[in-house]
Full PDB file with SEQRES, HELIX, SHEET, SSBOND, CRYST1, ORIGX, SCALE, CONECT and MASTER records, all heavy atoms in Angstrom:
SEQRES   1 A   30  GLY GLN THR ASP GLN ASP VAL THR PHE ALA GLN ILE ALA          
SEQRES   2 A   30  GLN THR LYS GLN VAL THR VAL PRO PRO PHE PHE MET ASP          
SEQRES   3 A   30  GLN MET GLU THR                                              
CRYST1    1.000    1.000    1.000  90.00  90.00  90.00 P 1           1          
ORIGX1      1.000000  0.000000  0.000000        0.00000                         
ORIGX2      0.000000  1.000000  0.000000        0.00000                         
ORIGX3      0.000000  0.000000  1.000000        0.00000                         
SCALE1      1.000000  0.000000  0.000000        0.00000                         
SCALE2      0.000000  1.000000  0.000000        0.00000                         
SCALE3      0.000000  0.000000  1.000000        0.00000                         
ATOM      1  N   GLY A   1       0.798  -1.207   0.000  1.00  0.00           N  
ATOM      2  CA  GLY A   1       0.000   0.000   0.000  1.00  0.00           C  
ATOM      3  C   GLY A   1       0.834   1.261   0.000  1.00  0.00           C  
ATOM      4  O   GLY A   1       2.057   1.234  -0.197  1.00  0.00           O  
ATOM      5  N   GLN A   2       0.167   2.375   0.235  1.00  0.00           N  
ATOM      6  CA  GLN A   2       0.748   3.701   0.108  1.00  0.00           C  
ATOM      7  C   GLN A   2       1.931   3.906   1.045  1.00  0.00           C  
ATOM      8  O   GLN A   2       1.863   3.605   2.233  1.00  0.00           O  
ATOM      9  CB  GLN A   2      -0.320   4.753   0.407  1.00  0.00           C  
ATOM     10  CG  GLN A   2      -0.031   6.109  -0.198  1.00  0.00           C  
ATOM     11  CD  GLN A   2      -0.357   6.164  -1.679  1.00  0.00           C  
ATOM     12  OE1 GLN A   2      -1.292   5.521  -2.136  1.00  0.00           O  
ATOM     13  NE2 GLN A   2       0.411   6.919  -2.429  1.00  0.00           N  
ATOM     14  N   THR A   3       3.041   4.413   0.488  1.00  0.00           N  
ATOM     15  CA  THR A   3       4.209   4.756   1.300  1.00  0.00           C  
ATOM     16  C   THR A   3       4.524   6.243   1.217  1.00  0.00           C  
ATOM     17  O   THR A   3       5.416   6.717   1.904  1.00  0.00           O  
ATOM     18  CB  THR A   3       5.447   3.960   0.840  1.00  0.00           C  
ATOM     19  OG1 THR A   3       5.655   4.177  -0.561  1.00  0.00           O  
ATOM     20  CG2 THR A   3       5.262   2.482   1.096  1.00  0.00           C  
ATOM     21  N   ASP A   4       3.824   6.933   0.356  1.00  0.00           N  
ATOM     22  CA  ASP A   4       4.016   8.374   0.215  1.00  0.00           C  
ATOM     23  C   ASP A   4       2.655   9.050   0.294  1.00  0.00           C  
ATOM     24  O   ASP A   4       1.613   8.378   0.427  1.00  0.00           O  
ATOM     25  CB  ASP A   4       4.701   8.690  -1.121  1.00  0.00           C  
ATOM     26  CG  ASP A   4       5.298  10.090  -1.166  1.00  0.00           C  
ATOM     27  OD1 ASP A   4       5.173  10.802  -0.158  1.00  0.00           O  
ATOM     28  OD2 ASP A   4       5.880  10.454  -2.205  1.00  0.00           O  
ATOM     29  N   GLN A   5       2.625  10.351   0.192  1.00  0.00           N  
ATOM     30  CA  GLN A   5       1.377  11.089   0.269  1.00  0.00           C  
ATOM     31  C   GLN A   5       0.423  10.667  -0.836  1.00  0.00           C  
ATOM     32  O   GLN A   5       0.819  10.494  -1.989  1.00  0.00           O  
ATOM     33  CB  GLN A   5       1.653  12.594   0.150  1.00  0.00           C  
ATOM     34  CG  GLN A   5       0.400  13.461   0.219  1.00  0.00           C  
ATOM     35  CD  GLN A   5       0.718  14.938   0.045  1.00  0.00           C  
ATOM     36  OE1 GLN A   5       1.880  15.293  -0.136  1.00  0.00           O  
ATOM     37  NE2 GLN A   5      -0.286  15.777   0.101  1.00  0.00           N  
ATOM     38  N   ASP A   6      -0.824  10.480  -0.494  1.00  0.00           N  
ATOM     39  CA  ASP A   6      -1.859  10.130  -1.457  1.00  0.00           C  
ATOM     40  C   ASP A   6      -2.315  11.407  -2.155  1.00  0.00           C  
ATOM     41  O   ASP A   6      -3.322  12.019  -1.787  1.00  0.00           O  
ATOM     42  CB  ASP A   6      -3.024   9.437  -0.748  1.00  0.00           C  
ATOM     43  CG  ASP A   6      -4.064   8.883  -1.726  1.00  0.00           C  
ATOM     44  OD1 ASP A   6      -3.823   8.965  -2.946  1.00  0.00           O  
ATOM     45  OD2 ASP A   6      -5.103   8.398  -1.257  1.00  0.00           O  
ATOM     46  N   VAL A   7      -1.560  11.826  -3.177  1.00  0.00           N  
ATOM     47  CA  VAL A   7      -1.791  13.133  -3.784  1.00  0.00           C  
ATOM     48  C   VAL A   7      -3.143  13.230  -4.482  1.00  0.00           C  
ATOM     49  O   VAL A   7      -3.670  14.322  -4.679  1.00  0.00           O  
ATOM     50  CB  VAL A   7      -0.660  13.478  -4.780  1.00  0.00           C  
ATOM     51  CG1 VAL A   7       0.658  13.614  -4.049  1.00  0.00           C  
ATOM     52  CG2 VAL A   7      -0.570  12.444  -5.891  1.00  0.00           C  
ATOM     53  N   THR A   8      -3.711  12.096  -4.874  1.00  0.00           N  
ATOM     54  CA  THR A   8      -5.022  12.115  -5.527  1.00  0.00           C  
ATOM     55  C   THR A   8      -6.164  11.979  -4.534  1.00  0.00           C  
ATOM     56  O   THR A   8      -7.333  12.075  -4.935  1.00  0.00           O  
ATOM     57  CB  THR A   8      -5.120  10.967  -6.548  1.00  0.00           C  
ATOM     58  OG1 THR A   8      -5.035   9.710  -5.871  1.00  0.00           O  
ATOM     59  CG2 THR A   8      -3.993  11.048  -7.582  1.00  0.00           C  
ATOM     60  N   PHE A   9      -5.847  11.722  -3.268  1.00  0.00           N  
ATOM     61  CA  PHE A   9      -6.859  11.514  -2.223  1.00  0.00           C  
ATOM     62  C   PHE A   9      -7.849  10.412  -2.624  1.00  0.00           C  
ATOM     63  O   PHE A   9      -9.018  10.449  -2.266  1.00  0.00           O  
ATOM     64  CB  PHE A   9      -7.615  12.812  -1.921  1.00  0.00           C  
ATOM     65  CG  PHE A   9      -6.745  13.888  -1.348  1.00  0.00           C  
ATOM     66  CD1 PHE A   9      -6.199  14.867  -2.176  1.00  0.00           C  
ATOM     67  CD2 PHE A   9      -6.434  13.906   0.005  1.00  0.00           C  
ATOM     68  CE1 PHE A   9      -5.372  15.855  -1.655  1.00  0.00           C  
ATOM     69  CE2 PHE A   9      -5.607  14.896   0.532  1.00  0.00           C  
ATOM     70  CZ  PHE A   9      -5.078  15.871  -0.302  1.00  0.00           C  
ATOM     71  N   ALA A  10      -7.344   9.429  -3.374  1.00  0.00           N  
ATOM     72  CA  ALA A  10      -8.214   8.345  -3.831  1.00  0.00           C  
ATOM     73  C   ALA A  10      -8.498   7.344  -2.723  1.00  0.00           C  
ATOM     74  O   ALA A  10      -9.550   6.696  -2.722  1.00  0.00           O  
ATOM     75  CB  ALA A  10      -7.568   7.628  -5.017  1.00  0.00           C  
ATOM     76  N   GLN A  11      -7.559   7.151  -1.808  1.00  0.00           N  
ATOM     77  CA  GLN A  11      -7.693   6.218  -0.692  1.00  0.00           C  
ATOM     78  C   GLN A  11      -8.032   4.797  -1.177  1.00  0.00           C  
ATOM     79  O   GLN A  11      -8.883   4.111  -0.633  1.00  0.00           O  
ATOM     80  CB  GLN A  11      -8.766   6.705   0.294  1.00  0.00           C  
ATOM     81  CG  GLN A  11      -8.425   8.037   0.940  1.00  0.00           C  
ATOM     82  CD  GLN A  11      -9.418   8.457   2.003  1.00  0.00           C  
ATOM     83  OE1 GLN A  11     -10.344   7.721   2.323  1.00  0.00           O  
ATOM     84  NE2 GLN A  11      -9.221   9.642   2.564  1.00  0.00           N  
ATOM     85  N   ILE A  12      -7.350   4.366  -2.226  1.00  0.00           N  
ATOM     86  CA  ILE A  12      -7.585   3.026  -2.764  1.00  0.00           C  
ATOM     87  C   ILE A  12      -6.359   2.131  -2.594  1.00  0.00           C  
ATOM     88  O   ILE A  12      -6.318   1.022  -3.129  1.00  0.00           O  
ATOM     89  CB  ILE A  12      -7.963   3.078  -4.261  1.00  0.00           C  
ATOM     90  CG1 ILE A  12      -6.843   3.735  -5.079  1.00  0.00           C  
ATOM     91  CG2 ILE A  12      -9.283   3.808  -4.444  1.00  0.00           C  
ATOM     92  CD1 ILE A  12      -7.069   3.700  -6.577  1.00  0.00           C  
ATOM     93  N   ALA A  13      -5.348   2.614  -1.866  1.00  0.00           N  
ATOM     94  CA  ALA A  13      -4.134   1.818  -1.632  1.00  0.00           C  
ATOM     95  C   ALA A  13      -3.797   1.849  -0.153  1.00  0.00           C  
ATOM     96  O   ALA A  13      -2.721   2.275   0.258  1.00  0.00           O  
ATOM     97  CB  ALA A  13      -2.968   2.346  -2.471  1.00  0.00           C  
ATOM     98  N   GLN A  14      -4.748   1.404   0.661  1.00  0.00           N  
ATOM     99  CA  GLN A  14      -4.552   1.409   2.106  1.00  0.00           C  
ATOM    100  C   GLN A  14      -3.459   0.416   2.498  1.00  0.00           C  
ATOM    101  O   GLN A  14      -3.361  -0.673   1.939  1.00  0.00           O  
ATOM    102  CB  GLN A  14      -5.861   1.052   2.808  1.00  0.00           C  
ATOM    103  CG  GLN A  14      -7.013   2.010   2.492  1.00  0.00           C  
ATOM    104  CD  GLN A  14      -6.723   3.428   2.926  1.00  0.00           C  
ATOM    105  OE1 GLN A  14      -6.331   3.661   4.066  1.00  0.00           O  
ATOM    106  NE2 GLN A  14      -6.914   4.380   2.031  1.00  0.00           N  
ATOM    107  N   THR A  15      -2.652   0.788   3.482  1.00  0.00           N  
ATOM    108  CA  THR A  15      -1.530  -0.045   3.904  1.00  0.00           C  
ATOM    109  C   THR A  15      -2.024  -1.288   4.648  1.00  0.00           C  
ATOM    110  O   THR A  15      -2.905  -1.210   5.499  1.00  0.00           O  
ATOM    111  CB  THR A  15      -0.594   0.756   4.811  1.00  0.00           C  
ATOM    112  OG1 THR A  15      -0.156   1.917   4.107  1.00  0.00           O  
ATOM    113  CG2 THR A  15       0.605  -0.072   5.217  1.00  0.00           C  
ATOM    114  N   LYS A  16      -1.416  -2.428   4.290  1.00  0.00           N  
ATOM    115  CA  LYS A  16      -1.808  -3.688   4.916  1.00  0.00           C  
ATOM    116  C   LYS A  16      -0.619  -4.638   4.913  1.00  0.00           C  
ATOM    117  O   LYS A  16       0.082  -4.762   3.894  1.00  0.00           O  
ATOM    118  CB  LYS A  16      -2.990  -4.312   4.164  1.00  0.00           C  
ATOM    119  CG  LYS A  16      -3.525  -5.591   4.787  1.00  0.00           C  
ATOM    120  CD  LYS A  16      -4.778  -6.045   4.059  1.00  0.00           C  
ATOM    121  CE  LYS A  16      -5.405  -7.253   4.729  1.00  0.00           C  
ATOM    122  NZ  LYS A  16      -6.691  -7.645   4.095  1.00  0.00           N  
ATOM    123  N   GLN A  17      -0.378  -5.311   6.029  1.00  0.00           N  
ATOM    124  CA  GLN A  17       0.691  -6.301   6.110  1.00  0.00           C  
ATOM    125  C   GLN A  17       0.210  -7.595   5.461  1.00  0.00           C  
ATOM    126  O   GLN A  17      -0.794  -8.169   5.867  1.00  0.00           O  
ATOM    127  CB  GLN A  17       1.061  -6.572   7.572  1.00  0.00           C  
ATOM    128  CG  GLN A  17       2.168  -7.603   7.755  1.00  0.00           C  
ATOM    129  CD  GLN A  17       3.558  -6.993   7.696  1.00  0.00           C  
ATOM    130  OE1 GLN A  17       3.714  -5.805   7.938  1.00  0.00           O  
ATOM    131  NE2 GLN A  17       4.543  -7.806   7.361  1.00  0.00           N  
ATOM    132  N   VAL A  18       0.921  -8.048   4.430  1.00  0.00           N  
ATOM    133  CA  VAL A  18       0.531  -9.271   3.731  1.00  0.00           C  
ATOM    134  C   VAL A  18       1.754 -10.153   3.531  1.00  0.00           C  
ATOM    135  O   VAL A  18       2.903  -9.702   3.611  1.00  0.00           O  
ATOM    136  CB  VAL A  18      -0.128  -8.969   2.365  1.00  0.00           C  
ATOM    137  CG1 VAL A  18      -1.367  -8.096   2.530  1.00  0.00           C  
ATOM    138  CG2 VAL A  18       0.857  -8.314   1.418  1.00  0.00           C  
ATOM    139  N   THR A  19       1.492 -11.428   3.252  1.00  0.00           N  
ATOM    140  CA  THR A  19       2.548 -12.404   2.985  1.00  0.00           C  
ATOM    141  C   THR A  19       2.348 -12.984   1.587  1.00  0.00           C  
ATOM    142  O   THR A  19       1.219 -13.298   1.193  1.00  0.00           O  
ATOM    143  CB  THR A  19       2.527 -13.534   4.021  1.00  0.00           C  
ATOM    144  OG1 THR A  19       2.770 -12.978   5.319  1.00  0.00           O  
ATOM    145  CG2 THR A  19       3.592 -14.579   3.720  1.00  0.00           C  
ATOM    146  N   VAL A  20       3.436 -13.120   0.866  1.00  0.00           N  
ATOM    147  CA  VAL A  20       3.397 -13.644  -0.495  1.00  0.00           C  
ATOM    148  C   VAL A  20       4.305 -14.870  -0.570  1.00  0.00           C  
ATOM    149  O   VAL A  20       5.485 -14.794  -0.208  1.00  0.00           O  
ATOM    150  CB  VAL A  20       3.861 -12.583  -1.512  1.00  0.00           C  
ATOM    151  CG1 VAL A  20       3.910 -13.166  -2.910  1.00  0.00           C  
ATOM    152  CG2 VAL A  20       2.943 -11.371  -1.479  1.00  0.00           C  
ATOM    153  N   PRO A  21       3.795 -16.026  -1.005  1.00  0.00           N  
ATOM    154  CA  PRO A  21       4.644 -17.221  -1.171  1.00  0.00           C  
ATOM    155  C   PRO A  21       5.651 -17.010  -2.298  1.00  0.00           C  
ATOM    156  O   PRO A  21       5.483 -16.122  -3.134  1.00  0.00           O  
ATOM    157  CB  PRO A  21       3.633 -18.326  -1.522  1.00  0.00           C  
ATOM    158  CG  PRO A  21       2.289 -17.776  -1.156  1.00  0.00           C  
ATOM    159  CD  PRO A  21       2.385 -16.297  -1.314  1.00  0.00           C  
ATOM    160  N   PRO A  22       6.703 -17.820  -2.366  1.00  0.00           N  
ATOM    161  CA  PRO A  22       7.721 -17.650  -3.414  1.00  0.00           C  
ATOM    162  C   PRO A  22       7.177 -17.968  -4.798  1.00  0.00           C  
ATOM    163  O   PRO A  22       6.253 -18.779  -4.956  1.00  0.00           O  
ATOM    164  CB  PRO A  22       8.816 -18.636  -2.999  1.00  0.00           C  
ATOM    165  CG  PRO A  22       8.114 -19.665  -2.177  1.00  0.00           C  
ATOM    166  CD  PRO A  22       7.023 -18.939  -1.463  1.00  0.00           C  
ATOM    167  N   PHE A  23       7.763 -17.346  -5.797  1.00  0.00           N  
ATOM    168  CA  PHE A  23       7.345 -17.576  -7.180  1.00  0.00           C  
ATOM    169  C   PHE A  23       8.467 -17.165  -8.119  1.00  0.00           C  
ATOM    170  O   PHE A  23       9.428 -16.486  -7.734  1.00  0.00           O  
ATOM    171  CB  PHE A  23       6.059 -16.808  -7.505  1.00  0.00           C  
ATOM    172  CG  PHE A  23       6.154 -15.314  -7.318  1.00  0.00           C  
ATOM    173  CD1 PHE A  23       6.471 -14.470  -8.374  1.00  0.00           C  
ATOM    174  CD2 PHE A  23       5.908 -14.743  -6.078  1.00  0.00           C  
ATOM    175  CE1 PHE A  23       6.550 -13.102  -8.206  1.00  0.00           C  
ATOM    176  CE2 PHE A  23       5.983 -13.363  -5.893  1.00  0.00           C  
ATOM    177  CZ  PHE A  23       6.305 -12.542  -6.957  1.00  0.00           C  
ATOM    178  N   PHE A  24       8.358 -17.607  -9.364  1.00  0.00           N  
ATOM    179  CA  PHE A  24       9.244 -17.169 -10.428  1.00  0.00           C  
ATOM    180  C   PHE A  24       8.525 -16.086 -11.234  1.00  0.00           C  
ATOM    181  O   PHE A  24       7.322 -16.154 -11.426  1.00  0.00           O  
ATOM    182  CB  PHE A  24       9.623 -18.325 -11.358  1.00  0.00           C  
ATOM    183  CG  PHE A  24      10.345 -19.450 -10.682  1.00  0.00           C  
ATOM    184  CD1 PHE A  24       9.700 -20.653 -10.427  1.00  0.00           C  
ATOM    185  CD2 PHE A  24      11.679 -19.317 -10.312  1.00  0.00           C  
ATOM    186  CE1 PHE A  24      10.356 -21.695  -9.809  1.00  0.00           C  
ATOM    187  CE2 PHE A  24      12.342 -20.361  -9.690  1.00  0.00           C  
ATOM    188  CZ  PHE A  24      11.682 -21.555  -9.439  1.00  0.00           C  
ATOM    189  N   MET A  25       9.290 -15.119 -11.709  1.00  0.00           N  
ATOM    190  CA  MET A  25       8.702 -14.040 -12.496  1.00  0.00           C  
ATOM    191  C   MET A  25       9.580 -13.744 -13.709  1.00  0.00           C  
ATOM    192  O   MET A  25      10.815 -13.812 -13.625  1.00  0.00           O  
ATOM    193  CB  MET A  25       8.559 -12.778 -11.642  1.00  0.00           C  
ATOM    194  CG  MET A  25       7.736 -11.672 -12.273  1.00  0.00           C  
ATOM    195  SD  MET A  25       7.527 -10.271 -11.141  1.00  0.00           S  
ATOM    196  CE  MET A  25       5.945  -9.631 -11.689  1.00  0.00           C  
ATOM    197  N   ASP A  26       8.939 -13.446 -14.837  1.00  0.00           N  
ATOM    198  CA  ASP A  26       9.705 -13.059 -16.014  1.00  0.00           C  
ATOM    199  C   ASP A  26      10.609 -11.889 -15.679  1.00  0.00           C  
ATOM    200  O   ASP A  26      10.161 -10.885 -15.117  1.00  0.00           O  
ATOM    201  CB  ASP A  26       8.768 -12.663 -17.153  1.00  0.00           C  
ATOM    202  CG  ASP A  26       8.149 -13.866 -17.854  1.00  0.00           C  
ATOM    203  OD1 ASP A  26       8.748 -14.954 -17.791  1.00  0.00           O  
ATOM    204  OD2 ASP A  26       7.072 -13.713 -18.457  1.00  0.00           O  
ATOM    205  N   GLN A  27      11.875 -12.023 -16.031  1.00  0.00           N  
ATOM    206  CA  GLN A  27      12.829 -10.965 -15.722  1.00  0.00           C  
ATOM    207  C   GLN A  27      12.493  -9.681 -16.473  1.00  0.00           C  
ATOM    208  O   GLN A  27      12.759  -8.587 -15.981  1.00  0.00           O  
ATOM    209  CB  GLN A  27      14.243 -11.426 -16.072  1.00  0.00           C  
ATOM    210  CG  GLN A  27      15.332 -10.471 -15.627  1.00  0.00           C  
ATOM    211  CD  GLN A  27      16.717 -11.018 -15.885  1.00  0.00           C  
ATOM    212  OE1 GLN A  27      16.924 -11.811 -16.803  1.00  0.00           O  
ATOM    213  NE2 GLN A  27      17.693 -10.603 -15.096  1.00  0.00           N  
ATOM    214  N   MET A  28      11.891  -9.835 -17.633  1.00  0.00           N  
ATOM    215  CA  MET A  28      11.563  -8.679 -18.472  1.00  0.00           C  
ATOM    216  C   MET A  28      10.120  -8.779 -18.951  1.00  0.00           C  
ATOM    217  O   MET A  28       9.494  -9.840 -18.888  1.00  0.00           O  
ATOM    218  CB  MET A  28      12.510  -8.606 -19.678  1.00  0.00           C  
ATOM    219  CG  MET A  28      13.979  -8.629 -19.318  1.00  0.00           C  
ATOM    220  SD  MET A  28      15.026  -8.823 -20.770  1.00  0.00           S  
ATOM    221  CE  MET A  28      16.596  -9.273 -19.998  1.00  0.00           C  
ATOM    222  N   GLU A  29       9.617  -7.690 -19.441  1.00  0.00           N  
ATOM    223  CA  GLU A  29       8.275  -7.667 -20.003  1.00  0.00           C  
ATOM    224  C   GLU A  29       8.224  -8.569 -21.241  1.00  0.00           C  
ATOM    225  O   GLU A  29       9.225  -8.769 -21.929  1.00  0.00           O  
ATOM    226  CB  GLU A  29       7.904  -6.227 -20.391  1.00  0.00           C  
ATOM    227  CG  GLU A  29       7.856  -5.278 -19.212  1.00  0.00           C  
ATOM    228  CD  GLU A  29       8.286  -3.866 -19.562  1.00  0.00           C  
ATOM    229  OE1 GLU A  29       9.078  -3.704 -20.511  1.00  0.00           O  
ATOM    230  OE2 GLU A  29       7.835  -2.928 -18.877  1.00  0.00           O  
ATOM    231  N   THR A  30       7.057  -9.123 -21.521  1.00  0.00           N  
ATOM    232  CA  THR A  30       6.888  -9.970 -22.700  1.00  0.00           C  
ATOM    233  C   THR A  30       7.146  -9.149 -23.955  1.00  0.00           C  
ATOM    234  O   THR A  30       6.551  -8.083 -24.146  1.00  0.00           O  
ATOM    235  CB  THR A  30       5.473 -10.554 -22.743  1.00  0.00           C  
ATOM    236  OG1 THR A  30       5.236 -11.304 -21.550  1.00  0.00           O  
ATOM    237  CG2 THR A  30       5.301 -11.466 -23.946  1.00  0.00           C  
TER     238      THR A  30                                                      
MASTER        0    0    0    0    0    0    0    6  237    1    0    3          
END                                                                             
């Protein structure tokens, strides 16, 4: 979620502690 000022005041990126399991990701865009 948000780490800087919400300049748009949208309030759609509220901070939340989450856990993500491991994964592989394409190093570059397709």
